[in-house]
N, C-alpha and C. Protein backbone atom coordinates (compact mmCIF):
# COMPACT_ATOMS: atom_id res chain seq x y z
N MET A 1 0.87 -1.45 0.16
CA MET A 1 0.08 -0.06 0.01
C MET A 1 0.53 1.19 0.62
N ARG A 2 1.12 2.40 -0.46
CA ARG A 2 0.90 3.57 -0.96
C ARG A 2 0.58 4.31 1.01
N VAL A 3 2.60 4.46 1.24
CA VAL A 3 2.79 5.19 2.96
C VAL A 3 1.95 6.12 2.49
N TRP A 4 2.34 7.54 1.99
CA TRP A 4 0.97 8.21 1.41
C TRP A 4 -0.58 7.78 1.84
N LEU A 5 -1.34 7.32 1.51
CA LEU A 5 -2.04 7.11 2.02
C LEU A 5 -2.84 5.63 3.75
N VAL A 6 -1.55 5.51 3.61
CA VAL A 6 -1.35 5.30 5.10
C VAL A 6 -1.54 5.72 6.56
N GLN A 7 -0.64 7.20 5.54
CA GLN A 7 -1.21 8.24 6.39
C GLN A 7 -1.17 9.14 6.80
N MET A 8 -2.54 8.77 5.68
CA MET A 8 -3.36 10.21 5.76
C MET A 8 -4.76 9.88 6.18
N ARG A 9 -4.99 8.34 6.18
CA ARG A 9 -5.37 6.80 7.33
C ARG A 9 -5.16 7.20 8.48
N LYS A 10 -4.09 7.32 8.53
CA LYS A 10 -3.64 7.32 10.21
C LYS A 10 -5.10 8.59 10.93
N GLY A 11 -4.45 9.76 10.00
CA GLY A 11 -4.61 10.68 10.84
C GLY A 11 -6.72 10.77 11.00
N LEU A 12 -6.90 10.16 9.76
CA LEU A 12 -8.92 10.54 9.85
C LEU A 12 -9.37 9.49 10.86
N VAL A 13 -8.73 8.27 11.26
CA VAL A 13 -9.25 7.82 12.86
C VAL A 13 -9.90 7.89 13.36
N GLU A 14 -9.22 9.52 14.21
CA GLU A 14 -9.59 9.66 15.68
C GLU A 14 -11.10 10.63 15.51
N PRO A 15 -10.55 12.19 14.49
CA PRO A 15 -11.90 12.22 14.27
C PRO A 15 -13.69 11.48 13.94
N CYS A 16 -13.21 10.43 13.14
CA CYS A 16 -14.34 9.86 12.44
C CYS A 16 -15.01 8.56 13.96
N VAL A 17 -13.48 8.08 14.86
CA VAL A 17 -14.20 7.21 16.02
C VAL A 17 -15.48 8.51 16.86
N LEU A 18 -14.78 9.55 17.38
CA LEU A 18 -15.18 10.86 18.04
C LEU A 18 -16.92 11.20 17.25
N ALA A 19 -16.76 10.72 15.92
CA ALA A 19 -18.00 11.36 15.30
C ALA A 19 -19.13 10.57 15.15
N ALA A 20 -17.96 8.59 15.19
CA ALA A 20 -19.21 7.39 15.95
C ALA A 20 -19.91 7.34 16.86
N LEU A 21 -18.94 8.23 17.83
CA LEU A 21 -19.69 8.27 18.60
C LEU A 21 -20.22 8.95 19.74
N ARG A 22 -20.45 10.40 18.84
CA ARG A 22 -21.69 11.50 18.75
C ARG A 22 -23.00 10.88 18.44
N GLU A 23 -23.20 9.82 17.84
CA GLU A 23 -24.50 8.94 17.88
C GLU A 23 -25.00 8.51 19.44
N GLY A 24 -23.51 7.96 20.77
CA GLY A 24 -24.08 8.10 21.19
C GLY A 24 -23.60 6.78 21.82
N GLU A 25 -24.00 5.73 22.96
CA GLU A 25 -22.28 5.59 23.31
C GLU A 25 -22.58 3.95 22.81
N ALA A 26 -21.38 3.45 22.77
CA ALA A 26 -21.89 1.90 21.47
C ALA A 26 -19.91 1.46 22.07
N TYR A 27 -19.86 -0.23 21.94
CA TYR A 27 -18.82 -1.12 22.17
C TYR A 27 -18.23 -0.84 20.32
N GLY A 28 -16.91 -1.56 20.95
CA GLY A 28 -16.39 -0.61 19.18
C GLY A 28 -16.58 -1.83 18.63
N TYR A 29 -17.17 -3.24 18.48
CA TYR A 29 -18.17 -3.04 17.29
C TYR A 29 -19.27 -2.72 17.00
N GLN A 30 -19.87 -2.22 17.74
CA GLN A 30 -21.19 -1.38 16.81
C GLN A 30 -20.44 0.33 16.15
N ILE A 31 -19.16 0.64 17.28
CA ILE A 31 -18.14 1.98 16.42
C ILE A 31 -17.87 2.26 15.13
N LEU A 32 -17.31 0.15 14.63
CA LEU A 32 -17.11 -0.08 13.53
C LEU A 32 -18.27 0.03 12.33
N GLN A 33 -19.30 -0.43 12.90
CA GLN A 33 -20.27 -0.39 12.33
C GLN A 33 -21.30 0.70 11.51
N ARG A 34 -20.92 1.99 12.73
CA ARG A 34 -21.24 3.41 12.47
C ARG A 34 -20.23 3.49 10.99
N LEU A 35 -19.47 3.76 11.55
CA LEU A 35 -18.44 3.56 10.47
C LEU A 35 -18.15 3.28 8.97
N GLY A 36 -19.40 2.00 9.02
CA GLY A 36 -19.53 1.78 8.06
C GLY A 36 -18.51 0.40 7.50
N SER A 37 -18.09 -0.30 8.84
CA SER A 37 -16.95 -0.51 8.31
C SER A 37 -15.69 -0.19 8.57
N GLY A 38 -15.23 0.78 7.85
CA GLY A 38 -14.46 2.07 7.51
C GLY A 38 -13.79 0.75 6.41
N GLU A 39 -14.19 0.55 5.41
CA GLU A 39 -13.47 0.05 4.50
C GLU A 39 -12.90 0.70 3.78
N SER A 40 -13.02 1.54 3.23
CA SER A 40 -12.33 3.24 2.83
C SER A 40 -11.28 3.44 3.63
N LEU A 41 -11.37 4.23 5.33
CA LEU A 41 -10.77 4.53 5.38
C LEU A 41 -9.75 3.52 5.92
N GLY A 42 -10.00 2.57 5.45
CA GLY A 42 -9.15 1.03 6.63
C GLY A 42 -8.73 1.26 7.88
N ILE A 43 -10.28 1.57 8.22
CA ILE A 43 -10.55 1.50 9.76
C ILE A 43 -11.49 -0.22 10.44
N SER A 44 -10.47 -1.25 10.93
CA SER A 44 -10.85 -2.16 11.42
C SER A 44 -10.89 -2.40 12.76
N GLU A 45 -10.50 -3.18 13.74
CA GLU A 45 -10.80 -3.37 15.12
C GLU A 45 -9.23 -3.48 15.20
N SER A 46 -7.97 -4.00 15.48
CA SER A 46 -6.85 -3.11 15.43
C SER A 46 -6.15 -2.17 15.29
N THR A 47 -7.39 -1.47 14.85
CA THR A 47 -7.32 0.07 14.37
C THR A 47 -7.99 0.83 15.35
N VAL A 48 -8.97 0.79 15.69
CA VAL A 48 -10.30 1.37 16.85
C VAL A 48 -9.76 1.23 17.98
N TYR A 49 -9.76 0.03 18.30
CA TYR A 49 -9.65 -0.62 20.29
C TYR A 49 -8.34 0.73 20.23
N PRO A 50 -6.78 0.50 19.46
CA PRO A 50 -5.71 1.30 20.26
C PRO A 50 -6.80 2.74 20.44
N VAL A 51 -6.73 2.65 19.79
CA VAL A 51 -7.17 4.96 19.60
C VAL A 51 -8.37 5.08 20.47
N LEU A 52 -9.36 4.61 21.00
CA LEU A 52 -11.12 3.96 21.96
C LEU A 52 -9.85 4.13 23.14
N ALA A 53 -8.46 2.77 23.68
CA ALA A 53 -7.59 3.42 24.44
C ALA A 53 -6.92 4.58 24.32
N ARG A 54 -6.54 5.07 23.94
CA ARG A 54 -5.70 6.83 23.89
C ARG A 54 -7.21 7.64 24.70
N LEU A 55 -7.70 7.28 23.75
CA LEU A 55 -8.67 8.55 23.95
C LEU A 55 -9.27 8.10 25.26
N ALA A 56 -9.75 7.56 26.03
CA ALA A 56 -10.21 7.09 26.81
C ALA A 56 -9.01 7.31 27.68
N ALA A 57 -7.22 6.96 27.53
CA ALA A 57 -6.45 8.18 28.48
C ALA A 57 -6.18 9.22 28.86
N GLN A 58 -6.67 9.96 27.15
CA GLN A 58 -7.11 11.53 28.01
C GLN A 58 -8.20 11.79 27.59
N ARG A 59 -8.85 11.02 28.63
CA ARG A 59 -11.06 11.81 29.46
C ARG A 59 -11.25 12.04 28.08
N LEU A 60 -10.97 11.27 26.71
CA LEU A 60 -11.81 11.78 25.51
C LEU A 60 -13.33 11.26 26.05
N VAL A 61 -12.86 10.33 25.97
CA VAL A 61 -14.16 9.20 26.28
C VAL A 61 -14.45 8.33 27.60
N ARG A 62 -16.02 7.88 28.23
CA ARG A 62 -15.79 7.77 29.21
C ARG A 62 -15.82 6.09 29.08
N VAL A 63 -16.00 5.22 29.58
CA VAL A 63 -15.22 4.06 29.88
C VAL A 63 -16.39 3.02 30.40
N ARG A 64 -17.16 1.91 29.82
CA ARG A 64 -17.95 1.41 31.47
C ARG A 64 -18.55 0.04 30.60
N GLU A 65 -18.06 -0.72 31.65
CA GLU A 65 -18.16 -2.56 31.11
C GLU A 65 -19.64 -2.69 31.93
N SER A 66 -20.24 -3.85 31.30
CA SER A 66 -21.30 -5.02 31.20
C SER A 66 -21.32 -6.19 30.19
N PRO A 67 -21.63 -6.86 31.59
CA PRO A 67 -21.70 -8.52 30.45
C PRO A 67 -22.49 -8.70 29.67
N SER A 68 -21.97 -9.67 28.92
CA SER A 68 -22.37 -9.62 27.22
C SER A 68 -22.78 -11.36 27.17
N PRO A 69 -23.75 -10.98 26.18
CA PRO A 69 -24.51 -12.40 26.53
C PRO A 69 -23.37 -13.97 26.33
N ALA A 70 -22.84 -13.48 25.76
CA ALA A 70 -21.40 -14.27 25.11
C ALA A 70 -20.46 -13.61 25.30
N GLY A 71 -18.84 -14.58 26.33
CA GLY A 71 -18.28 -14.26 25.92
C GLY A 71 -18.25 -12.48 27.33
N PRO A 72 -16.84 -12.63 27.16
CA PRO A 72 -15.86 -11.37 28.52
C PRO A 72 -16.79 -10.00 28.11
N PRO A 73 -17.38 -9.37 29.39
CA PRO A 73 -18.12 -7.80 29.92
C PRO A 73 -17.21 -6.41 27.68
N ARG A 74 -18.62 -6.12 27.98
CA ARG A 74 -18.20 -4.91 26.76
C ARG A 74 -18.03 -4.21 27.19
N ARG A 75 -17.13 -3.57 26.83
CA ARG A 75 -16.45 -2.42 27.09
C ARG A 75 -17.54 -1.00 26.39
N TYR A 76 -18.40 0.01 27.17
CA TYR A 76 -18.77 0.21 25.81
C TYR A 76 -18.28 1.77 26.28
N TYR A 77 -17.78 2.82 25.53
CA TYR A 77 -17.58 3.89 24.99
C TYR A 77 -18.48 5.23 25.08
N ARG A 78 -18.72 6.65 25.76
CA ARG A 78 -19.06 7.36 25.60
C ARG A 78 -18.13 8.51 25.13
N LEU A 79 -18.96 9.34 24.61
CA LEU A 79 -18.23 11.48 24.34
C LEU A 79 -18.59 11.77 26.28
N THR A 80 -17.03 12.01 26.44
CA THR A 80 -16.76 12.75 27.33
C THR A 80 -17.30 14.44 26.81
N SER A 81 -17.38 15.44 27.73
CA SER A 81 -17.46 17.06 27.13
C SER A 81 -16.30 17.47 26.69
N ALA A 82 -15.44 17.37 26.94
CA ALA A 82 -13.96 17.76 26.70
C ALA A 82 -13.49 16.63 25.17
N GLY A 83 -14.65 14.96 24.84
CA GLY A 83 -14.11 14.78 23.73
C GLY A 83 -15.41 15.99 22.34
N GLU A 84 -16.54 16.34 23.12
CA GLU A 84 -17.17 16.71 22.29
C GLU A 84 -16.85 17.92 21.64
N ALA A 85 -15.36 18.42 23.12
CA ALA A 85 -15.34 19.68 22.67
C ALA A 85 -13.99 19.28 21.56
N ARG A 86 -13.85 18.69 21.96
CA ARG A 86 -12.34 18.04 20.32
C ARG A 86 -13.09 17.78 19.76
N LEU A 87 -14.23 17.22 18.92
CA LEU A 87 -14.44 16.62 17.98
C LEU A 87 -14.40 18.45 17.48
N VAL A 88 -15.33 19.12 17.59
CA VAL A 88 -16.02 20.27 17.39
C VAL A 88 -14.39 21.04 16.66
N GLU A 89 -13.34 21.04 17.66
CA GLU A 89 -12.62 21.46 16.65
C GLU A 89 -11.89 20.93 15.99
N MET A 90 -11.94 19.73 15.60
CA MET A 90 -11.48 18.56 14.26
C MET A 90 -12.31 18.69 13.35
N THR A 91 -13.47 19.31 13.89
CA THR A 91 -14.60 19.01 12.32
C THR A 91 -14.49 20.39 12.33
N ALA A 92 -14.26 21.50 12.36
CA ALA A 92 -13.91 22.51 12.45
C ALA A 92 -12.40 23.34 11.13
N CYS A 93 -11.30 22.50 11.82
CA CYS A 93 -10.13 22.05 11.27
C CYS A 93 -10.03 21.47 10.23
N TRP A 94 -10.38 19.81 10.07
CA TRP A 94 -10.82 19.04 8.77
C TRP A 94 -11.61 20.53 7.48
N ARG A 95 -12.80 20.84 7.68
CA ARG A 95 -13.14 21.18 7.08
C ARG A 95 -12.80 22.57 6.53
N GLN A 96 -11.71 23.51 7.60
CA GLN A 96 -10.89 24.50 7.12
C GLN A 96 -10.05 23.51 5.57
N MET A 97 -9.23 22.58 6.17
CA MET A 97 -8.64 21.96 5.45
C MET A 97 -9.28 21.56 4.17
N ALA A 98 -9.85 21.01 3.69
CA ALA A 98 -10.71 20.12 3.08
C ALA A 98 -11.43 21.02 1.77
N SER A 99 -11.34 22.37 2.33
CA SER A 99 -11.79 23.75 1.41
C SER A 99 -10.50 23.85 0.73
N VAL A 100 -9.67 23.95 1.45
CA VAL A 100 -7.98 24.46 0.51
C VAL A 100 -7.62 23.67 -0.60
N VAL A 101 -7.90 22.09 0.11
CA VAL A 101 -7.42 21.17 -0.45
C VAL A 101 -8.55 20.37 -2.07
N ASN A 102 -9.12 21.22 -1.39
CA ASN A 102 -10.33 20.79 -2.59
C ASN A 102 -10.10 21.80 -3.55
N ALA A 103 -9.79 23.25 -3.22
CA ALA A 103 -9.33 24.16 -3.54
C ALA A 103 -8.24 23.73 -5.12
N LEU A 104 -7.37 23.50 -4.45
CA LEU A 104 -5.87 22.90 -4.48
C LEU A 104 -6.28 22.14 -5.98
N LEU A 105 -6.86 21.52 -5.63
CA LEU A 105 -7.39 20.16 -6.08
C LEU A 105 -8.16 20.39 -7.49
N LYS A 106 -9.00 20.82 -7.53
CA LYS A 106 -9.62 21.02 -8.46
C LYS A 106 -9.31 21.57 -9.77
N GLU A 107 -10.22 20.43 -10.52
CA GLU A 107 -10.04 20.56 -12.21
C GLU A 107 -9.73 21.92 -13.01
N LYS A 108 -9.28 22.41 -14.03
CA LYS A 108 -8.69 23.83 -14.39
C LYS A 108 -9.80 23.33 -16.03
């Protein structure tokens, strides 16, 4: 895979995960479903869980465990007010950058 594409995707994972949690509390697999399995973004379970752990350490998401119908307890994630603020900030930055990039890439 092209290195530039990998790097671009890495930068988009965090705002996409935060945006998926804007819909409400969810566990990892539900987040992947909200992201549409993240195929075009290259988002998989091995990508999402480390990001969720980092977001929890930064107190941008709150985590709670609940028994699962089968298997180990599920970890549910919810945006904190700091996470919501970060998402607003990231969204504004994304829109500004996308606008500039779209203008630069526009065909003449």
